[in-house]
Structure formats: structure tokens, C-alpha cells
Amino acid sequence: MNLDRDRLKRAAAERAIEFVENGMVLGLGTGSTAGFVVAQLATRVAQGLAIVAIATSERTAAQARRVLRASLLYLPLLLALLLVEALARTLGGFGW
């Protein structure tokens, strides 16, 4: 069952990444799907995508630092929520 759930989360991440455009400011969520999102973003960033990422958890921020060559800001969730109007999308577990 875990494999099916992970496969679905990976598919959701892949689909979400299709909407990411050059120059976007992205919120990187806290949920388990966020790991799949960051991994997919790494591929796009390696191909030249330029984004600014705001992580809502230290765990996601650490993963993003390892794999993304993007500007990364870590903010506690409350501060990230205050900036929600500035975020193009929040991907991976916390979004509207």
C-alpha cells in the first residue's frame, strides 16, 4: 500500500511541477509530498529553471539546499502564511 501511495504522490508532484515557470516564488510545503516536489524541481532547475523557494520546514529546506541551485529561504510556517499573497504556489503538502 505504501508503494501505491508513494507512486500517487510522485505523480502529483510531477504534475504540479509542470505549472512552475521561470522566475516564480514557490512555497515548498511540509508534507511528505514535498520531498517528491523538491526532487522534481531539482531536475527542472538543472535544466535552467530559475526560481526562489521558501520552505515551510527545516526538513524541506535541508533537502532543497542539497539538490536545488535556487535561492532558498526558510521561514517558520506562521511567517510563510503571512507571505502567502506573494507566493505563486505552495507545493507538497500545504497549499490552497
PDB file of N, CA and C in Angstrom:
ATOM      1  N   MET A   1       0.820  -1.189   0.000  1.00  0.00           N
ATOM      2  CA  MET A   1       0.000   0.000   0.000  1.00  0.00           C
ATOM      3  C   MET A   1       0.867   1.257   0.000  1.00  0.00           C
ATOM      4  N   ASN A   2       1.977   1.259   0.727  1.00  0.00           N
ATOM      5  CA  ASN A   2       2.870   2.414   0.745  1.00  0.00           C
ATOM      6  C   ASN A   2       3.405   2.726  -0.646  1.00  0.00           C
ATOM      7  N   LEU A   3       3.718   1.680  -1.417  1.00  0.00           N
ATOM      8  CA  LEU A   3       4.231   1.894  -2.761  1.00  0.00           C
ATOM      9  C   LEU A   3       3.203   2.584  -3.642  1.00  0.00           C
ATOM     10  N   ASP A   4       1.941   2.197  -3.513  1.00  0.00           N
ATOM     11  CA  ASP A   4       0.884   2.840  -4.281  1.00  0.00           C
ATOM     12  C   ASP A   4       0.730   4.303  -3.874  1.00  0.00           C
ATOM     13  N   ARG A   5       0.770   4.562  -2.572  1.00  0.00           N
ATOM     14  CA  ARG A   5       0.628   5.932  -2.083  1.00  0.00           C
ATOM     15  C   ARG A   5       1.805   6.787  -2.561  1.00  0.00           C
ATOM     16  N   ASP A   6       3.020   6.257  -2.475  1.00  0.00           N
ATOM     17  CA  ASP A   6       4.192   6.995  -2.942  1.00  0.00           C
ATOM     18  C   ASP A   6       4.141   7.232  -4.448  1.00  0.00           C
ATOM     19  N   ARG A   7       3.669   6.263  -5.178  1.00  0.00           N
ATOM     20  CA  ARG A   7       3.537   6.428  -6.630  1.00  0.00           C
ATOM     21  C   ARG A   7       2.559   7.554  -6.959  1.00  0.00           C
ATOM     22  N   LEU A   8       1.455   7.607  -6.234  1.00  0.00           N
ATOM     23  CA  LEU A   8       0.474   8.666  -6.448  1.00  0.00           C
ATOM     24  C   LEU A   8       1.028  10.039  -6.053  1.00  0.00           C
ATOM     25  N   LYS A   9       1.772  10.075  -4.964  1.00  0.00           N
ATOM     26  CA  LYS A   9       2.369  11.345  -4.533  1.00  0.00           C
ATOM     27  C   LYS A   9       3.413  11.817  -5.535  1.00  0.00           C
ATOM     28  N   ARG A  10       4.200  10.891  -6.035  1.00  0.00           N
ATOM     29  CA  ARG A  10       5.201  11.241  -7.051  1.00  0.00           C
ATOM     30  C   ARG A  10       4.512  11.775  -8.312  1.00  0.00           C
ATOM     31  N   ALA A  11       3.432  11.141  -8.705  1.00  0.00           N
ATOM     32  CA  ALA A  11       2.681  11.588  -9.888  1.00  0.00           C
ATOM     33  C   ALA A  11       2.091  12.982  -9.654  1.00  0.00           C
ATOM     34  N   ALA A  12       1.584  13.228  -8.449  1.00  0.00           N
ATOM     35  CA  ALA A  12       1.045  14.551  -8.132  1.00  0.00           C
ATOM     36  C   ALA A  12       2.142  15.609  -8.183  1.00  0.00           C
ATOM     37  N   ALA A  13       3.313  15.270  -7.672  1.00  0.00           N
ATOM     38  CA  ALA A  13       4.449  16.205  -7.706  1.00  0.00           C
ATOM     39  C   ALA A  13       4.851  16.505  -9.141  1.00  0.00           C
ATOM     40  N   GLU A  14       4.942  15.465  -9.961  1.00  0.00           N
ATOM     41  CA  GLU A  14       5.318  15.661 -11.366  1.00  0.00           C
ATOM     42  C   GLU A  14       4.317  16.577 -12.071  1.00  0.00           C
ATOM     43  N   ARG A  15       3.051  16.381 -11.792  1.00  0.00           N
ATOM     44  CA  ARG A  15       2.025  17.214 -12.429  1.00  0.00           C
ATOM     45  C   ARG A  15       2.122  18.658 -11.944  1.00  0.00           C
ATOM     46  N   ALA A  16       2.317  18.838 -10.654  1.00  0.00           N
ATOM     47  CA  ALA A  16       2.414  20.189 -10.099  1.00  0.00           C
ATOM     48  C   ALA A  16       3.598  20.946 -10.683  1.00  0.00           C
ATOM     49  N   ILE A  17       4.719  20.258 -10.873  1.00  0.00           N
ATOM     50  CA  ILE A  17       5.927  20.891 -11.389  1.00  0.00           C
ATOM     51  C   ILE A  17       5.712  21.395 -12.818  1.00  0.00           C
ATOM     52  N   GLU A  18       4.802  20.802 -13.546  1.00  0.00           N
ATOM     53  CA  GLU A  18       4.511  21.259 -14.909  1.00  0.00           C
ATOM     54  C   GLU A  18       4.036  22.715 -14.935  1.00  0.00           C
ATOM     55  N   PHE A  19       3.472  23.191 -13.834  1.00  0.00           N
ATOM     56  CA  PHE A  19       2.933  24.545 -13.774  1.00  0.00           C
ATOM     57  C   PHE A  19       3.961  25.581 -13.318  1.00  0.00           C
ATOM     58  N   VAL A  20       5.135  25.128 -12.916  1.00  0.00           N
ATOM     59  CA  VAL A  20       6.168  26.042 -12.423  1.00  0.00           C
ATOM     60  C   VAL A  20       6.836  26.733 -13.604  1.00  0.00           C
ATOM     61  N   GLU A  21       6.927  28.053 -13.510  1.00  0.00           N
ATOM     62  CA  GLU A  21       7.519  28.848 -14.575  1.00  0.00           C
ATOM     63  C   GLU A  21       8.746  29.589 -14.062  1.00  0.00           C
ATOM     64  N   ASN A  22       9.602  29.952 -14.990  1.00  0.00           N
ATOM     65  CA  ASN A  22      10.808  30.696 -14.680  1.00  0.00           C
ATOM     66  C   ASN A  22      10.456  31.965 -13.899  1.00  0.00           C
ATOM     67  N   GLY A  23      11.208  32.237 -12.852  1.00  0.00           N
ATOM     68  CA  GLY A  23      11.036  33.446 -12.073  1.00  0.00           C
ATOM     69  C   GLY A  23      10.008  33.372 -10.966  1.00  0.00           C
ATOM     70  N   MET A  24       9.336  32.231 -10.799  1.00  0.00           N
ATOM     71  CA  MET A  24       8.318  32.105  -9.757  1.00  0.00           C
ATOM     72  C   MET A  24       8.951  32.073  -8.371  1.00  0.00           C
ATOM     73  N   VAL A  25       8.171  32.526  -7.404  1.00  0.00           N
ATOM     74  CA  VAL A  25       8.486  32.350  -5.994  1.00  0.00           C
ATOM     75  C   VAL A  25       7.588  31.219  -5.518  1.00  0.00           C
ATOM     76  N   LEU A  26       8.204  30.138  -5.042  1.00  0.00           N
ATOM     77  CA  LEU A  26       7.445  28.950  -4.656  1.00  0.00           C
ATOM     78  C   LEU A  26       7.552  28.673  -3.171  1.00  0.00           C
ATOM     79  N   GLY A  27       6.442  28.321  -2.578  1.00  0.00           N
ATOM     80  CA  GLY A  27       6.445  27.794  -1.222  1.00  0.00           C
ATOM     81  C   GLY A  27       6.631  26.296  -1.305  1.00  0.00           C
ATOM     82  N   LEU A  28       7.631  25.792  -0.598  1.00  0.00           N
ATOM     83  CA  LEU A  28       7.863  24.342  -0.534  1.00  0.00           C
ATOM     84  C   LEU A  28       7.269  23.839   0.765  1.00  0.00           C
ATOM     85  N   GLY A  29       6.258  23.006   0.653  1.00  0.00           N
ATOM     86  CA  GLY A  29       5.483  22.575   1.806  1.00  0.00           C
ATOM     87  C   GLY A  29       6.202  21.657   2.760  1.00  0.00           C
ATOM     88  N   THR A  30       5.446  21.210   3.742  1.00  0.00           N
ATOM     89  CA  THR A  30       5.977  20.429   4.844  1.00  0.00           C
ATOM     90  C   THR A  30       5.588  18.959   4.745  1.00  0.00           C
ATOM     91  N   GLY A  31       4.609  18.636   3.959  1.00  0.00           N
ATOM     92  CA  GLY A  31       4.101  17.263   3.903  1.00  0.00           C
ATOM     93  C   GLY A  31       5.041  16.306   3.203  1.00  0.00           C
ATOM     94  N   SER A  32       4.674  15.046   3.226  1.00  0.00           N
ATOM     95  CA  SER A  32       5.528  14.006   2.637  1.00  0.00           C
ATOM     96  C   SER A  32       5.674  14.164   1.126  1.00  0.00           C
ATOM     97  N   THR A  33       4.708  14.782   0.493  1.00  0.00           N
ATOM     98  CA  THR A  33       4.794  15.002  -0.948  1.00  0.00           C
ATOM     99  C   THR A  33       5.866  16.035  -1.289  1.00  0.00           C
ATOM    100  N   ALA A  34       6.208  16.881  -0.339  1.00  0.00           N
ATOM    101  CA  ALA A  34       7.207  17.928  -0.578  1.00  0.00           C
ATOM    102  C   ALA A  34       8.539  17.336  -1.041  1.00  0.00           C
ATOM    103  N   GLY A  35       8.918  16.195  -0.516  1.00  0.00           N
ATOM    104  CA  GLY A  35      10.164  15.550  -0.943  1.00  0.00           C
ATOM    105  C   GLY A  35      10.151  15.212  -2.422  1.00  0.00           C
ATOM    106  N   PHE A  36       9.023  14.725  -2.908  1.00  0.00           N
ATOM    107  CA  PHE A  36       8.895  14.428  -4.334  1.00  0.00           C
ATOM    108  C   PHE A  36       8.929  15.707  -5.162  1.00  0.00           C
ATOM    109  N   VAL A  37       8.305  16.760  -4.634  1.00  0.00           N
ATOM    110  CA  VAL A  37       8.295  18.044  -5.335  1.00  0.00           C
ATOM    111  C   VAL A  37       9.715  18.578  -5.474  1.00  0.00           C
ATOM    112  N   VAL A  38      10.464  18.573  -4.386  1.00  0.00           N
ATOM    113  CA  VAL A  38      11.839  19.092  -4.410  1.00  0.00           C
ATOM    114  C   VAL A  38      12.691  18.283  -5.381  1.00  0.00           C
ATOM    115  N   ALA A  39      12.529  16.978  -5.375  1.00  0.00           N
ATOM    116  CA  ALA A  39      13.304  16.138  -6.301  1.00  0.00           C
ATOM    117  C   ALA A  39      12.972  16.480  -7.752  1.00  0.00           C
ATOM    118  N   GLN A  40      11.700  16.685  -8.055  1.00  0.00           N
ATOM    119  CA  GLN A  40      11.303  17.043  -9.415  1.00  0.00           C
ATOM    120  C   GLN A  40      11.787  18.444  -9.783  1.00  0.00           C
ATOM    121  N   LEU A  41      11.748  19.362  -8.822  1.00  0.00           N
ATOM    122  CA  LEU A  41      12.255  20.709  -9.076  1.00  0.00           C
ATOM    123  C   LEU A  41      13.745  20.685  -9.391  1.00  0.00           C
ATOM    124  N   ALA A  42      14.476  19.793  -8.742  1.00  0.00           N
ATOM    125  CA  ALA A  42      15.923  19.707  -8.979  1.00  0.00           C
ATOM    126  C   ALA A  42      16.222  19.433 -10.442  1.00  0.00           C
ATOM    127  N   THR A  43      15.438  18.576 -11.056  1.00  0.00           N
ATOM    128  CA  THR A  43      15.622  18.275 -12.477  1.00  0.00           C
ATOM    129  C   THR A  43      15.381  19.520 -13.319  1.00  0.00           C
ATOM    130  N   ARG A  44      14.302  20.223 -13.038  1.00  0.00           N
ATOM    131  CA  ARG A  44      13.983  21.435 -13.805  1.00  0.00           C
ATOM    132  C   ARG A  44      15.018  22.531 -13.590  1.00  0.00           C
ATOM    133  N   VAL A  45      15.479  22.697 -12.357  1.00  0.00           N
ATOM    134  CA  VAL A  45      16.489  23.719 -12.056  1.00  0.00           C
ATOM    135  C   VAL A  45      17.790  23.384 -12.786  1.00  0.00           C
ATOM    136  N   ALA A  46      18.150  22.104 -12.825  1.00  0.00           N
ATOM    137  CA  ALA A  46      19.357  21.686 -13.546  1.00  0.00           C
ATOM    138  C   ALA A  46      19.254  21.995 -15.035  1.00  0.00           C
ATOM    139  N   GLN A  47      18.035  22.059 -15.539  1.00  0.00           N
ATOM    140  CA  GLN A  47      17.801  22.378 -16.953  1.00  0.00           C
ATOM    141  C   GLN A  47      17.696  23.882 -17.199  1.00  0.00           C
ATOM    142  N   GLY A  48      17.866  24.695 -16.144  1.00  0.00           N
ATOM    143  CA  GLY A  48      17.890  26.136 -16.324  1.00  0.00           C
ATOM    144  C   GLY A  48      16.746  26.908 -15.694  1.00  0.00           C
ATOM    145  N   LEU A  49      15.807  26.230 -15.059  1.00  0.00           N
ATOM    146  CA  LEU A  49      14.706  26.918 -14.390  1.00  0.00           C
ATOM    147  C   LEU A  49      15.262  27.776 -13.259  1.00  0.00           C
ATOM    148  N   ALA A  50      14.835  29.029 -13.188  1.00  0.00           N
ATOM    149  CA  ALA A  50      15.255  29.932 -12.116  1.00  0.00           C
ATOM    150  C   ALA A  50      14.051  30.244 -11.237  1.00  0.00           C
ATOM    151  N   ILE A  51      14.137  29.870  -9.964  1.00  0.00           N
ATOM    152  CA  ILE A  51      13.052  30.100  -9.017  1.00  0.00           C
ATOM    153  C   ILE A  51      13.626  30.612  -7.706  1.00  0.00           C
ATOM    154  N   VAL A  52      12.747  31.129  -6.874  1.00  0.00           N
ATOM    155  CA  VAL A  52      13.061  31.409  -5.479  1.00  0.00           C
ATOM    156  C   VAL A  52      12.146  30.501  -4.678  1.00  0.00           C
ATOM    157  N   ALA A  53      12.723  29.752  -3.741  1.00  0.00           N
ATOM    158  CA  ALA A  53      11.941  28.798  -2.953  1.00  0.00           C
ATOM    159  C   ALA A  53      11.901  29.238  -1.499  1.00  0.00           C
ATOM    160  N   ILE A  54      10.714  29.157  -0.916  1.00  0.00           N
ATOM    161  CA  ILE A  54      10.535  29.435   0.504  1.00  0.00           C
ATOM    162  C   ILE A  54      10.026  28.148   1.139  1.00  0.00           C
ATOM    163  N   ALA A  55      10.847  27.555   1.977  1.00  0.00           N
ATOM    164  CA  ALA A  55      10.476  26.294   2.630  1.00  0.00           C
ATOM    165  C   ALA A  55       9.747  26.578   3.933  1.00  0.00           C
ATOM    166  N   THR A  56       8.722  25.783   4.208  1.00  0.00           N
ATOM    167  CA  THR A  56       7.959  25.964   5.432  1.00  0.00           C
ATOM    168  C   THR A  56       8.385  25.004   6.532  1.00  0.00           C
ATOM    169  N   SER A  57       9.449  24.237   6.292  1.00  0.00           N
ATOM    170  CA  SER A  57      10.003  23.387   7.346  1.00  0.00           C
ATOM    171  C   SER A  57      11.507  23.282   7.146  1.00  0.00           C
ATOM    172  N   GLU A  58      12.205  23.056   8.232  1.00  0.00           N
ATOM    173  CA  GLU A  58      13.656  22.899   8.148  1.00  0.00           C
ATOM    174  C   GLU A  58      14.015  21.641   7.362  1.00  0.00           C
ATOM    175  N   ARG A  59      13.215  20.586   7.504  1.00  0.00           N
ATOM    176  CA  ARG A  59      13.485  19.351   6.761  1.00  0.00           C
ATOM    177  C   ARG A  59      13.430  19.588   5.250  1.00  0.00           C
ATOM    178  N   THR A  60      12.394  20.261   4.799  1.00  0.00           N
ATOM    179  CA  THR A  60      12.285  20.562   3.369  1.00  0.00           C
ATOM    180  C   THR A  60      13.392  21.510   2.938  1.00  0.00           C
ATOM    181  N   ALA A  61      13.719  22.489   3.772  1.00  0.00           N
ATOM    182  CA  ALA A  61      14.796  23.422   3.446  1.00  0.00           C
ATOM    183  C   ALA A  61      16.123  22.681   3.291  1.00  0.00           C
ATOM    184  N   ALA A  62      16.397  21.733   4.177  1.00  0.00           N
ATOM    185  CA  ALA A  62      17.656  20.976   4.098  1.00  0.00           C
ATOM    186  C   ALA A  62      17.712  20.165   2.809  1.00  0.00           C
ATOM    187  N   GLN A  63      16.616  19.515   2.450  1.00  0.00           N
ATOM    188  CA  GLN A  63      16.588  18.759   1.202  1.00  0.00           C
ATOM    189  C   GLN A  63      16.790  19.690   0.007  1.00  0.00           C
ATOM    190  N   ALA A  64      16.109  20.815   0.020  1.00  0.00           N
ATOM    191  CA  ALA A  64      16.214  21.755  -1.090  1.00  0.00           C
ATOM    192  C   ALA A  64      17.642  22.297  -1.215  1.00  0.00           C
ATOM    193  N   ARG A  65      18.291  22.577  -0.091  1.00  0.00           N
ATOM    194  CA  ARG A  65      19.677  23.052  -0.146  1.00  0.00           C
ATOM    195  C   ARG A  65      20.587  22.021  -0.802  1.00  0.00           C
ATOM    196  N   ARG A  66      20.307  20.757  -0.548  1.00  0.00           N
ATOM    197  CA  ARG A  66      21.150  19.689  -1.106  1.00  0.00           C
ATOM    198  C   ARG A  66      20.976  19.555  -2.617  1.00  0.00           C
ATOM    199  N   VAL A  67      19.770  19.748  -3.129  1.00  0.00           N
ATOM    200  CA  VAL A  67      19.517  19.403  -4.533  1.00  0.00           C
ATOM    201  C   VAL A  67      19.178  20.572  -5.448  1.00  0.00           C
ATOM    202  N   LEU A  68      18.794  21.712  -4.887  1.00  0.00           N
ATOM    203  CA  LEU A  68      18.409  22.842  -5.730  1.00  0.00           C
ATOM    204  C   LEU A  68      19.541  23.859  -5.802  1.00  0.00           C
ATOM    205  N   ARG A  69      19.687  24.455  -6.945  1.00  0.00           N
ATOM    206  CA  ARG A  69      20.588  25.591  -7.102  1.00  0.00           C
ATOM    207  C   ARG A  69      19.725  26.842  -7.257  1.00  0.00           C
ATOM    208  N   ALA A  70      18.808  26.980  -6.338  1.00  0.00           N
ATOM    209  CA  ALA A  70      17.867  28.102  -6.372  1.00  0.00           C
ATOM    210  C   ALA A  70      18.036  28.914  -5.102  1.00  0.00           C
ATOM    211  N   SER A  71      17.556  30.122  -5.122  1.00  0.00           N
ATOM    212  CA  SER A  71      17.536  30.916  -3.902  1.00  0.00           C
ATOM    213  C   SER A  71      16.545  30.255  -2.952  1.00  0.00           C
ATOM    214  N   LEU A  72      16.964  30.049  -1.721  1.00  0.00           N
ATOM    215  CA  LEU A  72      16.122  29.346  -0.759  1.00  0.00           C
ATOM    216  C   LEU A  72      16.038  30.149   0.521  1.00  0.00           C
ATOM    217  N   LEU A  73      14.836  30.309   1.012  1.00  0.00           N
ATOM    218  CA  LEU A  73      14.590  30.989   2.266  1.00  0.00           C
ATOM    219  C   LEU A  73      13.775  30.047   3.135  1.00  0.00           C
ATOM    220  N   TYR A  74      14.200  29.851   4.382  1.00  0.00           N
ATOM    221  CA  TYR A  74      13.413  29.043   5.314  1.00  0.00           C
ATOM    222  C   TYR A  74      12.706  29.980   6.273  1.00  0.00           C
ATOM    223  N   LEU A  75      11.411  29.864   6.334  1.00  0.00           N
ATOM    224  CA  LEU A  75      10.617  30.647   7.272  1.00  0.00           C
ATOM    225  C   LEU A  75       9.738  29.700   8.068  1.00  0.00           C
ATOM    226  N   PRO A  76       9.592  29.941   9.361  1.00  0.00           N
ATOM    227  CA  PRO A  76       8.603  29.162  10.108  1.00  0.00           C
ATOM    228  C   PRO A  76       7.237  29.306   9.435  1.00  0.00           C
ATOM    229  N   LEU A  77       6.404  28.321   9.623  1.00  0.00           N
ATOM    230  CA  LEU A  77       5.116  28.267   8.938  1.00  0.00           C
ATOM    231  C   LEU A  77       4.306  29.548   9.119  1.00  0.00           C
ATOM    232  N   LEU A  78       4.274  30.094  10.310  1.00  0.00           N
ATOM    233  CA  LEU A  78       3.476  31.292  10.542  1.00  0.00           C
ATOM    234  C   LEU A  78       3.942  32.448   9.656  1.00  0.00           C
ATOM    235  N   LEU A  79       5.233  32.657   9.554  1.00  0.00           N
ATOM    236  CA  LEU A  79       5.733  33.721   8.683  1.00  0.00           C
ATOM    237  C   LEU A  79       5.438  33.418   7.216  1.00  0.00           C
ATOM    238  N   ALA A  80       5.562  32.164   6.835  1.00  0.00           N
ATOM    239  CA  ALA A  80       5.253  31.785   5.455  1.00  0.00           C
ATOM    240  C   ALA A  80       3.788  32.086   5.141  1.00  0.00           C
ATOM    241  N   LEU A  81       2.916  31.838   6.089  1.00  0.00           N
ATOM    242  CA  LEU A  81       1.500  32.135   5.876  1.00  0.00           C
ATOM    243  C   LEU A  81       1.270  33.628   5.682  1.00  0.00           C
ATOM    244  N   LEU A  82       2.031  34.435   6.374  1.00  0.00           N
ATOM    245  CA  LEU A  82       1.897  35.878   6.215  1.00  0.00           C
ATOM    246  C   LEU A  82       2.313  36.324   4.815  1.00  0.00           C
ATOM    247  N   LEU A  83       3.170  35.548   4.173  1.00  0.00           N
ATOM    248  CA  LEU A  83       3.647  35.885   2.844  1.00  0.00           C
ATOM    249  C   LEU A  83       2.859  35.205   1.729  1.00  0.00           C
ATOM    250  N   VAL A  84       1.776  34.539   2.071  1.00  0.00           N
ATOM    251  CA  VAL A  84       1.076  33.707   1.106  1.00  0.00           C
ATOM    252  C   VAL A  84       0.644  34.479  -0.137  1.00  0.00           C
ATOM    253  N   GLU A  85       0.331  35.734  -0.013  1.00  0.00           N
ATOM    254  CA  GLU A  85      -0.067  36.513  -1.183  1.00  0.00           C
ATOM    255  C   GLU A  85       1.071  36.645  -2.181  1.00  0.00           C
ATOM    256  N   ALA A  86       2.311  36.596  -1.688  1.00  0.00           N
ATOM    257  CA  ALA A  86       3.466  36.744  -2.565  1.00  0.00           C
ATOM    258  C   ALA A  86       3.872  35.423  -3.215  1.00  0.00           C
ATOM    259  N   LEU A  87       3.350  34.325  -2.715  1.00  0.00           N
ATOM    260  CA  LEU A  87       3.739  33.019  -3.234  1.00  0.00           C
ATOM    261  C   LEU A  87       2.927  32.679  -4.479  1.00  0.00           C
ATOM    262  N   ALA A  88       3.613  32.242  -5.511  1.00  0.00           N
ATOM    263  CA  ALA A  88       2.923  31.813  -6.717  1.00  0.00           C
ATOM    264  C   ALA A  88       2.178  30.508  -6.457  1.00  0.00           C
ATOM    265  N   ARG A  89       2.817  29.570  -5.815  1.00  0.00           N
ATOM    266  CA  ARG A  89       2.236  28.273  -5.490  1.00  0.00           C
ATOM    267  C   ARG A  89       2.919  27.742  -4.231  1.00  0.00           C
ATOM    268  N   THR A  90       2.201  26.950  -3.469  1.00  0.00           N
ATOM    269  CA  THR A  90       2.809  26.191  -2.390  1.00  0.00           C
ATOM    270  C   THR A  90       2.634  24.734  -2.773  1.00  0.00           C
ATOM    271  N   LEU A  91       3.736  24.031  -2.924  1.00  0.00           N
ATOM    272  CA  LEU A  91       3.706  22.681  -3.452  1.00  0.00           C
ATOM    273  C   LEU A  91       4.142  21.668  -2.400  1.00  0.00           C
ATOM    274  N   GLY A  92       3.390  20.608  -2.269  1.00  0.00           N
ATOM    275  CA  GLY A  92       3.830  19.491  -1.463  1.00  0.00           C
ATOM    276  C   GLY A  92       3.329  19.490  -0.039  1.00  0.00           C
ATOM    277  N   GLY A  93       2.041  19.460   0.149  1.00  0.00           N
ATOM    278  CA  GLY A  93       1.523  19.197   1.467  1.00  0.00           C
ATOM    279  C   GLY A  93       0.865  20.363   2.159  1.00  0.00           C
ATOM    280  N   PHE A  94       1.027  21.571   1.665  1.00  0.00           N
ATOM    281  CA  PHE A  94       0.369  22.678   2.317  1.00  0.00           C
ATOM    282  C   PHE A  94       0.061  23.720   1.264  1.00  0.00           C
ATOM    283  N   GLY A  95      -1.140  23.802   0.835  1.00  0.00           N
ATOM    284  CA  GLY A  95      -1.489  24.745  -0.216  1.00  0.00           C
ATOM    285  C   GLY A  95      -2.963  25.080  -0.178  1.00  0.00           C
ATOM    286  N   TRP A  96      -3.316  26.046  -0.957  1.00  0.00           N
ATOM    287  CA  TRP A  96      -4.711  26.461  -1.032  1.00  0.00           C
ATOM    288  C   TRP A  96      -5.256  26.212  -2.401  1.00  0.00           C
TER     289      TRP A  96
END
